[in-house]
Amino acid sequence: MEQHISNALHGVTSPRGRNDHPGAITTGFYDLDSVTGGIHPGDLILIASGGPADVGPILLNNFVLAASASEDVPVAFITFTKSPHQVSKGLLAVRSGHSRSSICEDKIDGHIIECAQHLATLPITIHGEVAAHVEGVVDAILAAHAHKLIVVDGLSIIAKRYRLPPKRLLERLQRHANLMKIPIIALAPKSWLEAWDVDVAFVVDEITSSPCVQVHIVVDRNGNTGWVNLKWDSLTETLSNIAPVWREAK
């Protein structure tokens, strides 16, 4: 069974053809889309979160699946700390509605297998365990020029290892996003939000209880700030839309 899933997930790492789809890309959450207008070409977007249940990577995986599955947008997933198989399992957890830990167990049902097979058909290319230095970031981004969305995981590892100021890394990301006209979404610590003027920044509060998690929009190209609520299932570690609740920051 595990081999069956591995074979299906293997297809996710294969490059796909480019699909020229004009306009913004959906986040998969209508509240976030209504406020930010979606993900625009050339955007630099940061996602920050923390706490025992780190929802940032889960929110990022939702963005990846919404873009690739709903709009057939080619996505490049660049990571410095994970293998392609680890990234694929995280995406599979979101796609199937199962927790990440249950994907690693021996008991795998038919629904997970079906989701894995669907995941393997999506236009997602995973660049796993990229060389963890600044030029490794740049090289991976330049190699992803044929995609329409680039996501980056592990920037804080590079900054810590080489004692680099966050501003230097974010400046490079912003420059390439603008030149390539491709949006870049990166996971980053909350403290990085003060280092550079990004286009959009989401901060996910530490979860205290189900069924909701608040996503703060602390920076937005339209000048909007505030927060929206998303439904959080602590058992399956999944996010979903709920009735729209938008609150402006006071």
Protein backbone atom coordinates (compact mmCIF):
# COMPACT_ATOMS: atom_id res chain seq x y z
CA MET A 1 0.00 0.00 0.00
CA GLU A 2 2.79 2.43 0.90
CA GLN A 3 4.50 1.63 -2.40
CA HIS A 4 1.24 2.33 -4.23
CA ILE A 5 1.10 5.82 -2.70
CA SER A 6 4.80 6.42 -3.41
CA ASN A 7 4.28 5.59 -7.08
CA ALA A 8 1.31 7.96 -7.32
CA LEU A 9 3.10 10.75 -5.48
CA HIS A 10 6.14 10.40 -7.70
CA GLY A 11 4.23 12.00 -10.55
CA VAL A 12 3.89 15.26 -8.61
CA THR A 13 7.60 15.99 -8.98
CA SER A 14 7.53 15.82 -12.77
CA PRO A 15 7.51 19.13 -14.71
CA ARG A 16 4.27 19.99 -16.50
CA GLY A 17 3.44 22.23 -19.41
CA ARG A 18 2.69 25.90 -18.90
CA ASN A 19 -0.87 27.15 -19.11
CA ASP A 20 -1.16 30.89 -19.82
CA HIS A 21 -4.10 31.88 -17.63
CA PRO A 22 -4.48 35.66 -17.31
CA GLY A 23 -5.49 37.47 -14.14
CA ALA A 24 -5.17 36.74 -10.46
CA ILE A 25 -4.88 33.27 -8.94
CA THR A 26 -7.33 32.16 -6.26
CA THR A 27 -6.16 31.34 -2.73
CA GLY A 28 -8.95 28.80 -2.42
CA PHE A 29 -10.61 30.84 0.35
CA TYR A 30 -13.27 33.30 -0.79
CA ASP A 31 -12.82 35.61 2.22
CA LEU A 32 -9.12 36.03 1.50
CA ASP A 33 -9.80 36.47 -2.22
CA SER A 34 -12.48 39.10 -1.61
CA VAL A 35 -10.09 41.21 0.47
CA THR A 36 -6.79 40.78 -1.39
CA GLY A 37 -8.11 40.22 -4.90
CA GLY A 38 -6.28 36.90 -5.04
CA ILE A 39 -2.64 36.29 -5.92
CA HIS A 40 -1.33 38.72 -8.56
CA PRO A 41 1.62 38.40 -10.99
CA GLY A 42 4.78 39.81 -9.40
CA ASP A 43 3.43 39.61 -5.83
CA LEU A 44 5.68 38.75 -2.90
CA ILE A 45 3.44 37.20 -0.24
CA LEU A 46 4.55 36.11 3.23
CA ILE A 47 2.76 33.61 5.48
CA ALA A 48 3.75 33.68 9.15
CA SER A 49 2.49 31.44 11.94
CA GLY A 50 3.64 29.58 15.00
CA GLY A 51 2.54 27.64 18.05
CA PRO A 52 2.06 23.90 18.60
CA ALA A 53 -0.20 23.58 15.56
CA ASP A 54 1.78 25.40 12.87
CA VAL A 55 -0.94 26.27 10.38
CA GLY A 56 1.28 28.28 8.04
CA PRO A 57 2.47 25.29 5.97
CA ILE A 58 -1.10 23.97 5.80
CA LEU A 59 -2.36 27.33 4.52
CA LEU A 60 0.47 27.34 1.97
CA ASN A 61 -0.45 23.83 0.79
CA ASN A 62 -4.05 24.97 0.37
CA PHE A 63 -2.87 27.83 -1.87
CA VAL A 64 -0.83 25.37 -3.97
CA LEU A 65 -3.71 22.95 -4.44
CA ALA A 66 -6.26 25.70 -5.16
CA ALA A 67 -4.05 27.14 -7.89
CA SER A 68 -3.07 23.84 -9.50
CA ALA A 69 -6.36 21.95 -9.17
CA SER A 70 -8.95 24.71 -9.62
CA GLU A 71 -7.19 26.83 -12.25
CA ASP A 72 -4.57 24.44 -13.68
CA VAL A 73 -1.81 26.90 -12.75
CA PRO A 74 1.72 25.41 -12.93
CA VAL A 75 3.27 25.65 -9.45
CA ALA A 76 6.92 25.31 -8.41
CA PHE A 77 7.38 24.25 -4.77
CA ILE A 78 10.91 25.07 -3.54
CA THR A 79 12.02 23.73 -0.16
CA PHE A 80 15.36 23.60 1.64
CA THR A 81 14.47 21.25 4.49
CA LYS A 82 12.16 18.61 2.99
CA SER A 83 12.38 15.91 0.35
CA PRO A 84 9.90 15.87 -2.56
CA HIS A 85 8.18 12.90 -0.93
CA GLN A 86 7.69 14.80 2.35
CA VAL A 87 6.21 17.75 0.49
CA SER A 88 3.93 15.42 -1.47
CA LYS A 89 2.63 13.85 1.73
CA GLY A 90 1.81 17.28 3.13
CA LEU A 91 -0.13 18.13 -0.04
CA LEU A 92 -1.85 14.75 0.08
CA ALA A 93 -2.96 15.38 3.67
CA VAL A 94 -4.68 18.61 2.61
CA ARG A 95 -6.13 17.08 -0.56
CA SER A 96 -7.57 14.04 1.24
CA GLY A 97 -8.72 15.78 4.42
CA HIS A 98 -6.58 13.53 6.61
CA SER A 99 -3.99 14.56 9.18
CA ARG A 100 -0.34 14.41 8.17
CA SER A 101 0.33 11.72 10.77
CA SER A 102 -2.39 9.44 9.39
CA ILE A 103 -0.82 9.56 5.92
CA CYS A 104 2.30 7.96 7.39
CA GLU A 105 0.45 5.07 9.04
CA ASP A 106 0.10 1.60 7.57
CA LYS A 107 -3.69 1.73 7.30
CA ILE A 108 -4.34 3.68 4.09
CA ASP A 109 -7.87 3.70 2.69
CA GLY A 110 -9.04 3.87 -0.89
CA HIS A 111 -9.91 7.56 -0.62
CA ILE A 112 -6.28 8.46 0.13
CA ILE A 113 -5.08 6.35 -2.80
CA GLU A 114 -7.58 8.09 -5.11
CA CYS A 115 -6.45 11.51 -3.87
CA ALA A 116 -2.80 10.55 -4.39
CA GLN A 117 -3.50 9.54 -7.95
CA HIS A 118 -5.30 12.84 -8.60
CA LEU A 119 -2.45 14.77 -6.97
CA ALA A 120 0.00 13.14 -9.36
CA THR A 121 -1.87 14.66 -12.33
CA LEU A 122 -1.64 18.26 -11.07
CA PRO A 123 0.87 20.75 -12.58
CA ILE A 124 3.11 20.86 -9.49
CA THR A 125 6.89 20.60 -9.66
CA ILE A 126 8.70 20.02 -6.36
CA HIS A 127 12.30 21.12 -5.93
CA GLY A 128 13.21 19.35 -2.70
CA GLU A 129 16.29 19.80 -0.49
CA VAL A 130 17.60 22.72 -2.55
CA ALA A 131 21.09 23.98 -1.65
CA ALA A 132 20.51 26.08 1.46
CA HIS A 133 22.18 29.37 0.54
CA VAL A 134 21.15 32.60 -1.15
CA GLU A 135 22.28 31.56 -4.63
CA GLY A 136 20.46 28.27 -4.17
CA VAL A 137 17.26 30.28 -3.71
CA VAL A 138 17.94 32.37 -6.80
CA ASP A 139 18.91 29.40 -8.96
CA ALA A 140 15.76 27.48 -7.98
CA ILE A 141 13.55 30.50 -8.69
CA LEU A 142 15.14 31.14 -12.08
CA ALA A 143 14.73 27.46 -12.95
CA ALA A 144 11.00 27.84 -12.23
CA HIS A 145 10.46 30.57 -14.83
CA ALA A 146 7.98 28.41 -16.78
CA HIS A 147 5.60 28.31 -13.82
CA LYS A 148 2.90 30.79 -12.81
CA LEU A 149 3.26 30.47 -9.03
CA ILE A 150 6.36 29.85 -6.92
CA VAL A 151 6.24 28.89 -3.23
CA VAL A 152 9.31 28.83 -1.00
CA ASP A 153 9.74 27.00 2.31
CA GLY A 154 12.75 27.21 4.62
CA LEU A 155 14.05 30.78 4.19
CA SER A 156 14.57 31.15 7.94
CA ILE A 157 16.98 28.19 7.86
CA ILE A 158 19.16 30.02 5.33
CA ALA A 159 19.06 33.27 7.28
CA LYS A 160 20.04 31.54 10.51
CA ARG A 161 22.75 29.34 9.01
CA TYR A 162 24.51 32.16 7.17
CA ARG A 163 23.52 34.98 9.54
CA LEU A 164 21.86 36.88 6.73
CA PRO A 165 19.47 39.75 7.39
CA PRO A 166 15.90 38.92 6.28
CA LYS A 167 15.86 42.13 4.25
CA ARG A 168 18.52 40.75 1.90
CA LEU A 169 16.58 37.57 1.15
CA LEU A 170 13.22 39.31 0.77
CA GLU A 171 14.72 41.97 -1.48
CA ARG A 172 16.05 39.27 -3.82
CA LEU A 173 12.69 37.50 -3.86
CA GLN A 174 10.82 40.73 -4.59
CA ARG A 175 13.19 41.62 -7.41
CA HIS A 176 12.77 38.28 -9.16
CA ALA A 177 9.00 38.24 -8.64
CA ASN A 178 8.76 41.63 -10.34
CA LEU A 179 11.14 40.78 -13.19
CA MET A 180 9.55 37.41 -13.92
CA LYS A 181 5.98 38.64 -13.32
CA ILE A 182 5.42 35.51 -11.25
CA PRO A 183 4.00 35.63 -7.71
CA ILE A 184 6.19 34.19 -4.96
CA ILE A 185 4.73 32.98 -1.65
CA ALA A 186 7.13 32.27 1.22
CA LEU A 187 6.83 30.97 4.76
CA ALA A 188 8.61 33.29 7.19
CA PRO A 189 8.76 34.20 10.89
CA LYS A 190 6.50 37.04 12.06
CA SER A 191 9.54 39.22 12.77
CA TRP A 192 10.35 39.29 9.04
CA LEU A 193 7.25 41.36 8.29
CA GLU A 194 9.11 44.46 9.47
CA ALA A 195 12.15 43.77 7.29
CA TRP A 196 10.70 44.51 3.86
CA ASP A 197 7.60 46.04 2.24
CA VAL A 198 5.95 42.94 0.80
CA ASP A 199 2.74 43.09 -1.26
CA VAL A 200 0.62 40.90 1.00
CA ALA A 201 1.29 39.30 4.39
CA PHE A 202 -0.85 36.78 6.26
CA VAL A 203 -0.30 36.01 9.95
CA VAL A 204 -2.03 32.93 11.35
CA ASP A 205 -2.81 33.18 15.05
CA GLU A 206 -1.84 30.38 17.40
CA ILE A 207 -4.85 28.10 17.63
CA THR A 208 -6.49 28.04 21.05
CA SER A 209 -9.61 26.07 20.16
CA SER A 210 -11.62 24.70 17.26
CA PRO A 211 -13.49 25.31 15.04
CA CYS A 212 -11.94 28.58 13.82
CA VAL A 213 -8.55 30.06 13.14
CA GLN A 214 -8.00 33.75 12.45
CA VAL A 215 -5.84 34.81 9.53
CA HIS A 216 -4.64 38.39 9.98
CA ILE A 217 -4.01 40.41 6.85
CA VAL A 218 -1.34 42.77 8.14
CA VAL A 219 -0.19 44.03 4.72
CA ASP A 220 -2.21 44.27 1.52
CA ARG A 221 -1.57 46.00 -1.79
CA ASN A 222 -5.08 47.51 -1.62
CA GLY A 223 -4.46 49.04 1.81
CA ASN A 224 -6.83 46.65 3.59
CA THR A 225 -5.89 45.27 6.98
CA GLY A 226 -7.85 43.09 9.34
CA TRP A 227 -8.64 39.41 9.65
CA VAL A 228 -10.85 36.64 8.35
CA ASN A 229 -11.97 33.41 9.97
CA LEU A 230 -11.32 29.99 8.46
CA LYS A 231 -12.70 26.72 9.73
CA TRP A 232 -10.09 24.57 11.47
CA ASP A 233 -10.49 20.86 12.16
CA SER A 234 -7.92 19.87 14.78
CA LEU A 235 -8.42 16.14 14.19
CA THR A 236 -7.70 16.19 10.47
CA GLU A 237 -5.56 19.37 10.57
CA THR A 238 -7.51 20.90 7.69
CA LEU A 239 -8.68 24.42 6.81
CA SER A 240 -11.87 25.27 4.94
CA ASN A 241 -14.20 28.15 4.15
CA ILE A 242 -16.89 29.20 6.57
CA ALA A 243 -19.59 31.87 6.33
CA PRO A 244 -17.81 35.08 5.37
CA VAL A 245 -16.68 37.13 8.37
CA TRP A 246 -14.51 40.12 7.55
CA ARG A 247 -13.41 42.53 10.24
CA GLU A 248 -11.46 45.70 9.65
CA ALA A 249 -8.54 46.39 11.92
CA LYS A 250 -9.20 49.26 14.31
